[in-house]
């Protein structure tokens, strides 16, 4: 009798629905669910700020699931987006200067005209991303600015210590993306 009960189509559909709900409810909450709810932690607060104010300069969005969101022309400069998922998202014209993008996934995303200059894209994935006119590499020195976490105080604006060199420290930045066409075999 138990087998007949579990195998009936109505009960099977209900059982599958419950299993899907359990699986989907575990893990990270997608951004779409956070937008209209009261935030519970720093990540959720920052996602709300990003979606409502169209930017979150210097925010910690580490591990955020932002798949499919319209983030066109947002300011995410200096943000920590390490291991975030922005698959199929629209970021056209966004500012990601000096953002930390370690292991971030932009698969299938529209990142055209996005400014990635000065950003750390180590391990980031751009498979199938639309990258027309996206800017990668180092920022020119005149465009570099102080990170948003440093406030202008007497202590921060004092004359530099003589032991500190005024020469910029440069590290090799990410190279421009190159796409290679597959060879056509007759």
C-alpha atoms as a PDB file:
ATOM      1  CA  UNK A   1       0.000   0.000   0.000  1.00  0.00           C
ATOM      2  CA  UNK A   2       2.888   2.398   0.733  1.00  0.00           C
ATOM      3  CA  UNK A   3       4.373   1.733  -2.720  1.00  0.00           C
ATOM      4  CA  UNK A   4       1.026   2.496  -4.404  1.00  0.00           C
ATOM      5  CA  UNK A   5       0.740   5.691  -2.355  1.00  0.00           C
ATOM      6  CA  UNK A   6       4.291   6.896  -3.225  1.00  0.00           C
ATOM      7  CA  UNK A   7       3.951   5.951  -6.879  1.00  0.00           C
ATOM      8  CA  UNK A   8       0.651   7.680  -7.592  1.00  0.00           C
ATOM      9  CA  UNK A   9       1.228  10.593  -9.982  1.00  0.00           C
ATOM     10  CA  UNK A  10      -0.313  13.232  -7.693  1.00  0.00           C
ATOM     11  CA  UNK A  11       1.740  12.138  -4.684  1.00  0.00           C
ATOM     12  CA  UNK A  12       4.873  11.764  -6.796  1.00  0.00           C
ATOM     13  CA  UNK A  13       4.513  15.330  -8.078  1.00  0.00           C
ATOM     14  CA  UNK A  14       4.037  16.624  -4.533  1.00  0.00           C
ATOM     15  CA  UNK A  15       7.057  14.639  -3.329  1.00  0.00           C
ATOM     16  CA  UNK A  16       9.194  16.003  -6.159  1.00  0.00           C
ATOM     17  CA  UNK A  17       8.002  19.533  -5.423  1.00  0.00           C
ATOM     18  CA  UNK A  18       9.020  19.152  -1.771  1.00  0.00           C
ATOM     19  CA  UNK A  19      12.446  17.786  -2.748  1.00  0.00           C
ATOM     20  CA  UNK A  20      12.990  20.673  -5.179  1.00  0.00           C
ATOM     21  CA  UNK A  21      11.996  23.169  -2.473  1.00  0.00           C
ATOM     22  CA  UNK A  22      14.444  21.616  -0.003  1.00  0.00           C
ATOM     23  CA  UNK A  23      17.282  21.635  -2.536  1.00  0.00           C
ATOM     24  CA  UNK A  24      16.569  25.193  -3.697  1.00  0.00           C
ATOM     25  CA  UNK A  25      16.250  26.568  -0.188  1.00  0.00           C
ATOM     26  CA  UNK A  26      19.719  25.405   0.810  1.00  0.00           C
ATOM     27  CA  UNK A  27      22.797  27.465  -0.021  1.00  0.00           C
ATOM     28  CA  UNK A  28      23.127  31.121  -0.925  1.00  0.00           C
ATOM     29  CA  UNK A  29      20.011  33.219  -1.385  1.00  0.00           C
ATOM     30  CA  UNK A  30      19.804  34.639  -4.925  1.00  0.00           C
ATOM     31  CA  UNK A  31      19.751  38.427  -5.205  1.00  0.00           C
ATOM     32  CA  UNK A  32      16.205  38.475  -6.602  1.00  0.00           C
ATOM     33  CA  UNK A  33      14.884  37.133  -3.278  1.00  0.00           C
ATOM     34  CA  UNK A  34      16.843  39.691  -1.230  1.00  0.00           C
ATOM     35  CA  UNK A  35      15.796  42.833  -3.102  1.00  0.00           C
ATOM     36  CA  UNK A  36      12.327  43.149  -1.542  1.00  0.00           C
ATOM     37  CA  UNK A  37      13.025  41.522   1.818  1.00  0.00           C
ATOM     38  CA  UNK A  38      14.469  43.076   4.953  1.00  0.00           C
ATOM     39  CA  UNK A  39      18.231  42.412   4.857  1.00  0.00           C
ATOM     40  CA  UNK A  40      19.660  39.963   7.381  1.00  0.00           C
ATOM     41  CA  UNK A  41      23.425  40.368   6.960  1.00  0.00           C
ATOM     42  CA  UNK A  42      26.075  42.606   5.386  1.00  0.00           C
ATOM     43  CA  UNK A  43      25.919  40.852   2.011  1.00  0.00           C
ATOM     44  CA  UNK A  44      22.157  41.266   1.774  1.00  0.00           C
ATOM     45  CA  UNK A  45      22.411  44.935   2.822  1.00  0.00           C
ATOM     46  CA  UNK A  46      25.007  45.532   0.110  1.00  0.00           C
ATOM     47  CA  UNK A  47      22.933  43.738  -2.545  1.00  0.00           C
ATOM     48  CA  UNK A  48      19.948  45.924  -1.664  1.00  0.00           C
ATOM     49  CA  UNK A  49      22.138  49.024  -1.847  1.00  0.00           C
ATOM     50  CA  UNK A  50      23.475  47.913  -5.240  1.00  0.00           C
ATOM     51  CA  UNK A  51      20.047  47.310  -6.748  1.00  0.00           C
ATOM     52  CA  UNK A  52      18.259  50.298  -5.220  1.00  0.00           C
ATOM     53  CA  UNK A  53      20.989  52.951  -5.475  1.00  0.00           C
ATOM     54  CA  UNK A  54      22.533  51.561  -8.707  1.00  0.00           C
ATOM     55  CA  UNK A  55      25.941  51.252  -7.104  1.00  0.00           C
ATOM     56  CA  UNK A  56      27.884  50.024  -4.126  1.00  0.00           C
ATOM     57  CA  UNK A  57      31.357  51.578  -4.247  1.00  0.00           C
ATOM     58  CA  UNK A  58      33.786  49.698  -2.009  1.00  0.00           C
ATOM     59  CA  UNK A  59      31.140  47.207  -0.846  1.00  0.00           C
ATOM     60  CA  UNK A  60      31.795  43.630   0.199  1.00  0.00           C
ATOM     61  CA  UNK A  61      29.846  41.437  -2.225  1.00  0.00           C
ATOM     62  CA  UNK A  62      32.058  38.381  -1.840  1.00  0.00           C
ATOM     63  CA  UNK A  63      30.235  35.264  -3.051  1.00  0.00           C
ATOM     64  CA  UNK A  64      27.095  37.181  -4.094  1.00  0.00           C
ATOM     65  CA  UNK A  65      24.765  35.466  -6.556  1.00  0.00           C
ATOM     66  CA  UNK A  66      23.796  38.202  -9.007  1.00  0.00           C
ATOM     67  CA  UNK A  67      22.953  36.026 -12.005  1.00  0.00           C
ATOM     68  CA  UNK A  68      20.772  37.661 -14.646  1.00  0.00           C
ATOM     69  CA  UNK A  69      20.448  41.036 -12.907  1.00  0.00           C
ATOM     70  CA  UNK A  70      20.357  44.333 -14.795  1.00  0.00           C
ATOM     71  CA  UNK A  71      23.364  46.177 -13.362  1.00  0.00           C
ATOM     72  CA  UNK A  72      23.769  48.550 -16.279  1.00  0.00           C
ATOM     73  CA  UNK A  73      26.034  51.543 -15.486  1.00  0.00           C
ATOM     74  CA  UNK A  74      26.393  50.693 -11.758  1.00  0.00           C
ATOM     75  CA  UNK A  75      29.411  51.845  -9.722  1.00  0.00           C
ATOM     76  CA  UNK A  76      31.213  48.858  -8.196  1.00  0.00           C
ATOM     77  CA  UNK A  77      34.646  50.455  -8.073  1.00  0.00           C
ATOM     78  CA  UNK A  78      36.821  49.127  -5.220  1.00  0.00           C
ATOM     79  CA  UNK A  79      34.154  46.480  -4.442  1.00  0.00           C
ATOM     80  CA  UNK A  80      35.038  42.963  -3.292  1.00  0.00           C
ATOM     81  CA  UNK A  81      33.281  40.654  -5.742  1.00  0.00           C
ATOM     82  CA  UNK A  82      35.548  37.657  -5.148  1.00  0.00           C
ATOM     83  CA  UNK A  83      33.811  34.417  -6.175  1.00  0.00           C
ATOM     84  CA  UNK A  84      30.593  36.277  -7.044  1.00  0.00           C
ATOM     85  CA  UNK A  85      28.368  34.916  -9.802  1.00  0.00           C
ATOM     86  CA  UNK A  86      27.235  37.427 -12.423  1.00  0.00           C
ATOM     87  CA  UNK A  87      26.325  34.920 -15.124  1.00  0.00           C
ATOM     88  CA  UNK A  88      23.996  36.350 -17.801  1.00  0.00           C
ATOM     89  CA  UNK A  89      23.938  39.701 -15.971  1.00  0.00           C
ATOM     90  CA  UNK A  90      23.903  43.023 -17.832  1.00  0.00           C
ATOM     91  CA  UNK A  91      26.723  45.293 -16.675  1.00  0.00           C
ATOM     92  CA  UNK A  92      27.020  47.460 -19.801  1.00  0.00           C
ATOM     93  CA  UNK A  93      28.892  50.682 -18.960  1.00  0.00           C
ATOM     94  CA  UNK A  94      29.496  49.715 -15.301  1.00  0.00           C
ATOM     95  CA  UNK A  95      32.495  50.971 -13.320  1.00  0.00           C
ATOM     96  CA  UNK A  96      34.525  48.117 -11.791  1.00  0.00           C
ATOM     97  CA  UNK A  97      37.798  50.027 -11.488  1.00  0.00           C
ATOM     98  CA  UNK A  98      40.099  48.534  -8.859  1.00  0.00           C
ATOM     99  CA  UNK A  99      37.479  45.939  -7.895  1.00  0.00           C
ATOM    100  CA  UNK A 100      38.610  42.571  -6.553  1.00  0.00           C
ATOM    101  CA  UNK A 101      37.228  39.932  -8.929  1.00  0.00           C
ATOM    102  CA  UNK A 102      39.144  36.790  -7.905  1.00  0.00           C
ATOM    103  CA  UNK A 103      37.303  33.761  -9.310  1.00  0.00           C
ATOM    104  CA  UNK A 104      34.265  35.830 -10.294  1.00  0.00           C
ATOM    105  CA  UNK A 105      32.044  34.338 -13.002  1.00  0.00           C
ATOM    106  CA  UNK A 106      30.806  36.612 -15.814  1.00  0.00           C
ATOM    107  CA  UNK A 107      29.786  33.740 -18.108  1.00  0.00           C
ATOM    108  CA  UNK A 108      27.378  34.904 -20.803  1.00  0.00           C
ATOM    109  CA  UNK A 109      27.195  38.383 -19.248  1.00  0.00           C
ATOM    110  CA  UNK A 110      27.075  41.672 -21.154  1.00  0.00           C
ATOM    111  CA  UNK A 111      30.225  43.453 -19.954  1.00  0.00           C
ATOM    112  CA  UNK A 112      30.517  45.749 -22.956  1.00  0.00           C
ATOM    113  CA  UNK A 113      31.932  49.178 -22.133  1.00  0.00           C
ATOM    114  CA  UNK A 114      32.683  48.059 -18.546  1.00  0.00           C
ATOM    115  CA  UNK A 115      35.755  49.688 -17.013  1.00  0.00           C
ATOM    116  CA  UNK A 116      37.810  46.885 -15.412  1.00  0.00           C
ATOM    117  CA  UNK A 117      41.024  48.950 -15.277  1.00  0.00           C
ATOM    118  CA  UNK A 118      43.024  48.306 -12.138  1.00  0.00           C
ATOM    119  CA  UNK A 119      40.753  45.400 -11.162  1.00  0.00           C
ATOM    120  CA  UNK A 120      42.209  42.045 -10.117  1.00  0.00           C
ATOM    121  CA  UNK A 121      40.590  39.556 -12.503  1.00  0.00           C
ATOM    122  CA  UNK A 122      42.754  36.584 -11.501  1.00  0.00           C
ATOM    123  CA  UNK A 123      40.746  33.413 -12.123  1.00  0.00           C
ATOM    124  CA  UNK A 124      37.681  35.323 -13.345  1.00  0.00           C
ATOM    125  CA  UNK A 125      35.643  33.592 -16.050  1.00  0.00           C
ATOM    126  CA  UNK A 126      34.296  35.430 -19.098  1.00  0.00           C
ATOM    127  CA  UNK A 127      33.116  32.427 -21.158  1.00  0.00           C
ATOM    128  CA  UNK A 128      30.606  33.614 -23.736  1.00  0.00           C
ATOM    129  CA  UNK A 129      30.628  37.138 -22.284  1.00  0.00           C
ATOM    130  CA  UNK A 130      30.027  40.102 -24.579  1.00  0.00           C
ATOM    131  CA  UNK A 131      33.150  42.235 -24.035  1.00  0.00           C
ATOM    132  CA  UNK A 132      32.964  44.873 -26.802  1.00  0.00           C
ATOM    133  CA  UNK A 133      34.810  48.046 -25.722  1.00  0.00           C
ATOM    134  CA  UNK A 134      35.450  46.724 -22.193  1.00  0.00           C
ATOM    135  CA  UNK A 135      38.565  48.280 -20.659  1.00  0.00           C
ATOM    136  CA  UNK A 136      41.157  46.018 -19.003  1.00  0.00           C
ATOM    137  CA  UNK A 137      44.656  46.696 -17.683  1.00  0.00           C
ATOM    138  CA  UNK A 138      46.124  49.312 -15.390  1.00  0.00           C
ATOM    139  CA  UNK A 139      44.626  52.715 -14.660  1.00  0.00           C
ATOM    140  CA  UNK A 140      46.611  55.714 -15.864  1.00  0.00           C
ATOM    141  CA  UNK A 141      48.264  57.397 -12.869  1.00  0.00           C
ATOM    142  CA  UNK A 142      46.146  60.572 -13.135  1.00  0.00           C
ATOM    143  CA  UNK A 143      42.929  58.506 -12.901  1.00  0.00           C
ATOM    144  CA  UNK A 144      43.985  56.586  -9.786  1.00  0.00           C
ATOM    145  CA  UNK A 145      42.186  57.739  -6.668  1.00  0.00           C
ATOM    146  CA  UNK A 146      42.194  57.040  -2.961  1.00  0.00           C
ATOM    147  CA  UNK A 147      40.070  54.040  -1.967  1.00  0.00           C
ATOM    148  CA  UNK A 148      36.736  55.038  -0.383  1.00  0.00           C
ATOM    149  CA  UNK A 149      37.693  53.579   2.998  1.00  0.00           C
ATOM    150  CA  UNK A 150      40.334  56.256   3.615  1.00  0.00           C
ATOM    151  CA  UNK A 151      38.799  59.486   4.812  1.00  0.00           C
ATOM    152  CA  UNK A 152      40.506  62.814   4.409  1.00  0.00           C
ATOM    153  CA  UNK A 153      41.834  63.642   7.874  1.00  0.00           C
ATOM    154  CA  UNK A 154      44.806  65.628   9.118  1.00  0.00           C
ATOM    155  CA  UNK A 155      46.537  62.316   9.783  1.00  0.00           C
ATOM    156  CA  UNK A 156      46.000  61.069   6.209  1.00  0.00           C
ATOM    157  CA  UNK A 157      46.874  64.380   4.513  1.00  0.00           C
ATOM    158  CA  UNK A 158      50.120  65.075   6.378  1.00  0.00           C
ATOM    159  CA  UNK A 159      53.391  65.401   4.474  1.00  0.00           C
ATOM    160  CA  UNK A 160      54.731  62.008   3.393  1.00  0.00           C
ATOM    161  CA  UNK A 161      57.409  60.325   5.445  1.00  0.00           C
ATOM    162  CA  UNK A 162      60.866  60.617   3.863  1.00  0.00           C
ATOM    163  CA  UNK A 163      61.253  56.830   4.007  1.00  0.00           C
ATOM    164  CA  UNK A 164      58.301  56.400   1.654  1.00  0.00           C
ATOM    165  CA  UNK A 165      59.142  56.683  -2.010  1.00  0.00           C
ATOM    166  CA  UNK A 166      56.897  58.703  -4.290  1.00  0.00           C
ATOM    167  CA  UNK A 167      57.460  56.246  -7.145  1.00  0.00           C
ATOM    168  CA  UNK A 168      54.342  54.270  -8.043  1.00  0.00           C
ATOM    169  CA  UNK A 169      54.453  50.566  -7.410  1.00  0.00           C
ATOM    170  CA  UNK A 170      53.248  48.670 -10.411  1.00  0.00           C
ATOM    171  CA  UNK A 171      52.363  45.048 -10.732  1.00  0.00           C
ATOM    172  CA  UNK A 172      51.519  43.325 -13.975  1.00  0.00           C
ATOM    173  CA  UNK A 173      47.807  43.720 -14.622  1.00  0.00           C
ATOM    174  CA  UNK A 174      45.470  41.479 -16.547  1.00  0.00           C
ATOM    175  CA  UNK A 175      46.044  41.428 -20.262  1.00  0.00           C
ATOM    176  CA  UNK A 176      43.446  42.392 -22.833  1.00  0.00           C
ATOM    177  CA  UNK A 177      41.129  39.513 -23.717  1.00  0.00           C
ATOM    178  CA  UNK A 178      41.917  37.905 -27.032  1.00  0.00           C
ATOM    179  CA  UNK A 179      39.551  35.646 -28.880  1.00  0.00           C
ATOM    180  CA  UNK A 180      40.924  33.026 -31.238  1.00  0.00           C
ATOM    181  CA  UNK A 181      38.676  31.733 -33.996  1.00  0.00           C
ATOM    182  CA  UNK A 182      38.604  27.945 -34.306  1.00  0.00           C
ATOM    183  CA  UNK A 183      40.137  26.557 -37.475  1.00  0.00           C
ATOM    184  CA  UNK A 184      37.661  25.392 -40.087  1.00  0.00           C
ATOM    185  CA  UNK A 185      38.423  21.893 -41.343  1.00  0.00           C
ATOM    186  CA  UNK A 186      37.096  20.873 -44.758  1.00  0.00           C
END
